[in-house]
Amino acid sequence: LYLLSRGVSLHPLYSMGFYRIGCYMCPSLRSWELYAMRESGIHDILLKLRGTAKIYKLFLERRGVDVDSRCSEW
């Protein structure tokens, strides 16, 4: 409610029925959420990202952060 009262848009996964958005293999993750992730294609995207350039680096680069000058080890 706080986010809605401030006009912050919610992550699209909430509208798909997810009640938590966080770690991929969270212990609180429900089995139907894993099914929904596979059906929506999110699972495939995460598998493609695994083992590639570190996801944090990708996250920062997409936001325009010069990671090479700011972070010594990736």
N, C-alpha and C. Protein backbone atom coordinates (compact mmCIF):
# COMPACT_ATOMS: atom_id res chain seq x y z
N LEU A 1 0.81 -1.19 0.00
CA LEU A 1 0.00 0.00 0.00
C LEU A 1 0.86 1.26 0.00
N TYR A 2 1.98 1.20 0.70
CA TYR A 2 2.86 2.36 0.75
C TYR A 2 3.33 2.73 -0.65
N LEU A 3 3.79 1.73 -1.42
CA LEU A 3 4.27 2.01 -2.77
C LEU A 3 3.18 2.59 -3.65
N LEU A 4 2.00 2.01 -3.56
CA LEU A 4 0.88 2.51 -4.36
C LEU A 4 0.51 3.94 -3.97
N SER A 5 0.57 4.25 -2.68
CA SER A 5 0.23 5.60 -2.24
C SER A 5 1.26 6.62 -2.70
N ARG A 6 2.47 6.16 -3.02
CA ARG A 6 3.53 7.05 -3.49
C ARG A 6 3.67 7.04 -5.01
N GLY A 7 2.81 6.28 -5.69
CA GLY A 7 2.84 6.24 -7.15
C GLY A 7 3.97 5.40 -7.73
N VAL A 8 4.54 4.51 -6.92
CA VAL A 8 5.61 3.64 -7.39
C VAL A 8 4.98 2.43 -8.07
N SER A 9 5.43 2.15 -9.30
CA SER A 9 4.85 1.01 -10.01
C SER A 9 5.42 -0.29 -9.43
N LEU A 10 4.59 -1.30 -9.38
CA LEU A 10 4.99 -2.59 -8.84
C LEU A 10 5.65 -3.45 -9.91
N HIS A 11 6.47 -4.38 -9.47
CA HIS A 11 7.09 -5.33 -10.38
C HIS A 11 5.98 -6.16 -11.04
N PRO A 12 6.08 -6.43 -12.35
CA PRO A 12 5.03 -7.17 -13.05
C PRO A 12 4.76 -8.56 -12.50
N LEU A 13 5.73 -9.17 -11.84
CA LEU A 13 5.51 -10.51 -11.30
C LEU A 13 4.45 -10.52 -10.20
N TYR A 14 4.28 -9.40 -9.51
CA TYR A 14 3.23 -9.35 -8.49
C TYR A 14 1.86 -9.56 -9.12
N SER A 15 1.64 -9.02 -10.31
CA SER A 15 0.34 -9.19 -10.97
C SER A 15 0.15 -10.62 -11.47
N MET A 16 1.25 -11.40 -11.52
CA MET A 16 1.15 -12.81 -11.91
C MET A 16 0.88 -13.70 -10.71
N GLY A 17 0.83 -13.11 -9.51
CA GLY A 17 0.52 -13.89 -8.32
C GLY A 17 1.68 -14.14 -7.38
N PHE A 18 2.87 -13.68 -7.73
CA PHE A 18 4.01 -13.85 -6.83
C PHE A 18 3.83 -12.93 -5.64
N TYR A 19 4.10 -13.43 -4.46
CA TYR A 19 3.95 -12.58 -3.28
C TYR A 19 5.29 -12.06 -2.79
N ARG A 20 6.39 -12.61 -3.30
CA ARG A 20 7.74 -12.15 -2.97
C ARG A 20 8.56 -12.11 -4.24
N ILE A 21 9.34 -11.06 -4.40
CA ILE A 21 10.26 -10.96 -5.52
C ILE A 21 11.64 -10.82 -4.90
N GLY A 22 12.49 -11.77 -5.13
CA GLY A 22 13.82 -11.71 -4.52
C GLY A 22 14.72 -12.78 -5.09
N CYS A 23 15.37 -13.50 -4.22
CA CYS A 23 16.30 -14.54 -4.64
C CYS A 23 15.58 -15.60 -5.45
N TYR A 24 16.26 -16.10 -6.47
CA TYR A 24 15.67 -17.10 -7.36
C TYR A 24 15.25 -18.35 -6.62
N MET A 25 16.09 -18.86 -5.76
CA MET A 25 15.77 -20.10 -5.04
C MET A 25 15.52 -19.82 -3.56
N CYS A 26 14.69 -18.86 -3.29
CA CYS A 26 14.33 -18.51 -1.92
C CYS A 26 13.63 -19.69 -1.26
N PRO A 27 13.94 -20.00 0.00
CA PRO A 27 13.25 -21.10 0.69
C PRO A 27 11.74 -20.88 0.79
N SER A 28 11.30 -19.64 0.68
CA SER A 28 9.86 -19.36 0.75
C SER A 28 9.16 -19.49 -0.59
N LEU A 29 9.92 -19.79 -1.64
CA LEU A 29 9.35 -19.92 -2.98
C LEU A 29 8.41 -21.11 -3.03
N ARG A 30 7.23 -20.89 -3.57
CA ARG A 30 6.24 -21.96 -3.66
C ARG A 30 6.40 -22.71 -4.98
N SER A 31 6.01 -23.97 -5.00
CA SER A 31 6.21 -24.80 -6.19
C SER A 31 5.48 -24.24 -7.41
N TRP A 32 4.30 -23.67 -7.23
CA TRP A 32 3.59 -23.13 -8.39
C TRP A 32 4.30 -21.92 -8.96
N GLU A 33 5.09 -21.22 -8.11
CA GLU A 33 5.85 -20.08 -8.61
C GLU A 33 6.96 -20.56 -9.54
N LEU A 34 7.57 -21.70 -9.20
CA LEU A 34 8.57 -22.27 -10.11
C LEU A 34 7.93 -22.63 -11.44
N TYR A 35 6.73 -23.20 -11.38
CA TYR A 35 6.00 -23.54 -12.59
C TYR A 35 5.72 -22.27 -13.41
N ALA A 36 5.26 -21.23 -12.75
CA ALA A 36 4.95 -19.97 -13.44
C ALA A 36 6.21 -19.37 -14.06
N MET A 37 7.34 -19.50 -13.38
CA MET A 37 8.59 -18.98 -13.92
C MET A 37 8.97 -19.72 -15.19
N ARG A 38 8.77 -21.03 -15.19
CA ARG A 38 9.10 -21.81 -16.39
C ARG A 38 8.16 -21.46 -17.54
N GLU A 39 6.88 -21.35 -17.24
CA GLU A 39 5.89 -21.06 -18.27
C GLU A 39 6.05 -19.66 -18.87
N SER A 40 6.48 -18.71 -18.06
CA SER A 40 6.60 -17.33 -18.53
C SER A 40 7.92 -17.07 -19.26
N GLY A 41 8.87 -17.99 -19.14
CA GLY A 41 10.16 -17.81 -19.80
C GLY A 41 11.22 -17.18 -18.90
N ILE A 42 10.84 -16.77 -17.71
CA ILE A 42 11.81 -16.15 -16.79
C ILE A 42 12.91 -17.14 -16.43
N HIS A 43 12.53 -18.40 -16.25
CA HIS A 43 13.48 -19.45 -15.89
C HIS A 43 14.58 -19.55 -16.96
N ASP A 44 14.19 -19.52 -18.24
CA ASP A 44 15.17 -19.61 -19.33
C ASP A 44 16.11 -18.42 -19.35
N ILE A 45 15.57 -17.24 -19.07
CA ILE A 45 16.40 -16.04 -19.03
C ILE A 45 17.44 -16.15 -17.92
N LEU A 46 17.03 -16.62 -16.74
CA LEU A 46 17.97 -16.78 -15.62
C LEU A 46 19.04 -17.81 -15.94
N LEU A 47 18.65 -18.90 -16.61
CA LEU A 47 19.64 -19.91 -16.98
C LEU A 47 20.66 -19.36 -17.97
N LYS A 48 20.22 -18.52 -18.89
CA LYS A 48 21.15 -17.92 -19.85
C LYS A 48 22.12 -16.98 -19.16
N LEU A 49 21.66 -16.27 -18.14
CA LEU A 49 22.52 -15.33 -17.43
C LEU A 49 23.53 -16.03 -16.53
N ARG A 50 23.18 -17.25 -16.08
CA ARG A 50 24.06 -17.98 -15.18
C ARG A 50 25.37 -18.30 -15.89
N GLY A 51 26.47 -17.99 -15.27
CA GLY A 51 27.77 -18.32 -15.82
C GLY A 51 28.29 -17.31 -16.83
N THR A 52 27.52 -16.30 -17.16
CA THR A 52 27.99 -15.26 -18.07
C THR A 52 28.59 -14.14 -17.24
N ALA A 53 28.75 -12.99 -17.86
CA ALA A 53 29.24 -11.83 -17.10
C ALA A 53 28.40 -11.69 -15.84
N LYS A 54 29.03 -11.40 -14.78
CA LYS A 54 28.34 -11.34 -13.49
C LYS A 54 27.08 -10.49 -13.59
N ILE A 55 26.01 -10.99 -13.01
CA ILE A 55 24.72 -10.33 -13.14
C ILE A 55 24.72 -8.93 -12.52
N TYR A 56 25.49 -8.73 -11.46
CA TYR A 56 25.56 -7.39 -10.86
C TYR A 56 26.20 -6.40 -11.83
N LYS A 57 27.23 -6.86 -12.53
CA LYS A 57 27.89 -6.01 -13.51
C LYS A 57 26.91 -5.65 -14.62
N LEU A 58 26.18 -6.63 -15.10
CA LEU A 58 25.18 -6.39 -16.14
C LEU A 58 24.12 -5.40 -15.65
N PHE A 59 23.67 -5.59 -14.42
CA PHE A 59 22.66 -4.71 -13.82
C PHE A 59 23.16 -3.26 -13.81
N LEU A 60 24.39 -3.06 -13.35
CA LEU A 60 24.94 -1.71 -13.25
C LEU A 60 25.20 -1.10 -14.63
N GLU A 61 25.72 -1.92 -15.55
CA GLU A 61 25.99 -1.42 -16.90
C GLU A 61 24.71 -0.93 -17.57
N ARG A 62 23.63 -1.65 -17.37
CA ARG A 62 22.36 -1.25 -17.99
C ARG A 62 21.83 0.05 -17.40
N ARG A 63 22.35 0.43 -16.25
CA ARG A 63 21.94 1.68 -15.63
C ARG A 63 22.97 2.79 -15.84
N GLY A 64 23.95 2.53 -16.70
CA GLY A 64 24.91 3.56 -17.07
C GLY A 64 26.06 3.75 -16.12
N VAL A 65 26.30 2.81 -15.22
CA VAL A 65 27.41 2.92 -14.28
C VAL A 65 28.68 2.41 -14.95
N ASP A 66 29.75 3.17 -14.88
CA ASP A 66 31.04 2.74 -15.43
C ASP A 66 31.67 1.78 -14.43
N VAL A 67 31.37 0.50 -14.57
CA VAL A 67 31.77 -0.49 -13.57
C VAL A 67 33.27 -0.71 -13.54
N ASP A 68 33.96 -0.54 -14.66
CA ASP A 68 35.40 -0.78 -14.67
C ASP A 68 36.16 0.23 -13.82
N SER A 69 35.69 1.46 -13.77
CA SER A 69 36.38 2.46 -12.97
C SER A 69 35.91 2.47 -11.51
N ARG A 70 34.74 1.89 -11.25
CA ARG A 70 34.19 1.94 -9.90
C ARG A 70 34.44 0.67 -9.10
N CYS A 71 34.61 -0.45 -9.78
CA CYS A 71 34.72 -1.74 -9.09
C CYS A 71 35.97 -2.46 -9.56
N SER A 72 36.82 -2.84 -8.66
CA SER A 72 38.08 -3.47 -9.06
C SER A 72 37.94 -4.94 -9.39
N GLU A 73 37.03 -5.64 -8.74
CA GLU A 73 36.88 -7.08 -8.99
C GLU A 73 35.45 -7.42 -9.33
N TRP A 74 35.25 -8.04 -10.47
CA TRP A 74 33.94 -8.54 -10.87
C TRP A 74 34.12 -9.99 -11.15
